[in-house]
């Protein structure tokens, strides 16, 4: 069946979950990007409009993650028509919330709907990764949960390397994002090149404890594992303003653990109820307001649905 227009939504994501650098990620309810796509007769991909980015994202198709991902899809199916793409950014840029992954996934999800669902959802992963790779390399800790939903273990960049993990019912998150962009490439450049055997043993042990805690639904053990990072957070702490103060305020308000979301500067607090997450989000936000730094805060849960086609016509 031929369609002329399709729209899709892709949720925000948080990678790493503290200790699981590049191998863990989850999707977040209530915030994300939308893409609206249309075929046109000339072979080019055109970015017709981007809303919500403050004019910061490139409009050139070879430099935009959404159009690069869409081009990979079109080339794979041998489609000669071009595409018009409109992006509606619901995510702040360089925030640690998977902004680039959401744009790539939303565009590919909409394009697949436009083409008549040529591929199953999980089969879209390679095309989405082509877009994400433009800004942060080939790793799926944001793309996989954005596309598939839930909490995922990412052991590679192919579908068979992605494993869904349980999301405990009482798993709530409070988030705060200061207005202080941290580009992913800068956050990766600051990481240590080598780690000691002792550090490696510690990190792998904490990742194992985290996965075990998810399966048992033990939030206290989960929080302890999340805060057990001895490699990445110590290196990146200088990129996240008021990390220590936010962590203290969140714990005082009832948070179980606080960790850096992806590359940062978003900070995520693990909580055991909606009420606690709401209170913690407000208290974390208060730290930045008192420091006269703009920030935004919210409370949310894991998005189990992942990217969704909103409208096809």
Foldseek 3Di string as FASTA:
>chain_A
DAFFKFKKWWFWKFFDLALRPLFKMFGWPDFTKMKMKGWDAAQEEFAPEEADAVPPADRPLVQALQSQLVVVVCVVVVPRTYMYMYMYHRDYPQALGLHQLRSNLNSLQRVCVNVPVPDDQLVSQVSSQSSVCSFARRGCNGNVCRSQFAMWGAPHRHSVRIDHAAFAPQWKKKKKTFPQHDRQVNLVVQFDPDDDPVLVVQSVVLVVQLRVCRNVVPVLSNQVSSNSHPTRCVSLVVSAPPPVVLQVQLVVLAFNHWHAGHSHDMIMTTHRHPVSSVSSNVRSCVVCVVVVTDMDMDMTGTTRHRMDIDDTD
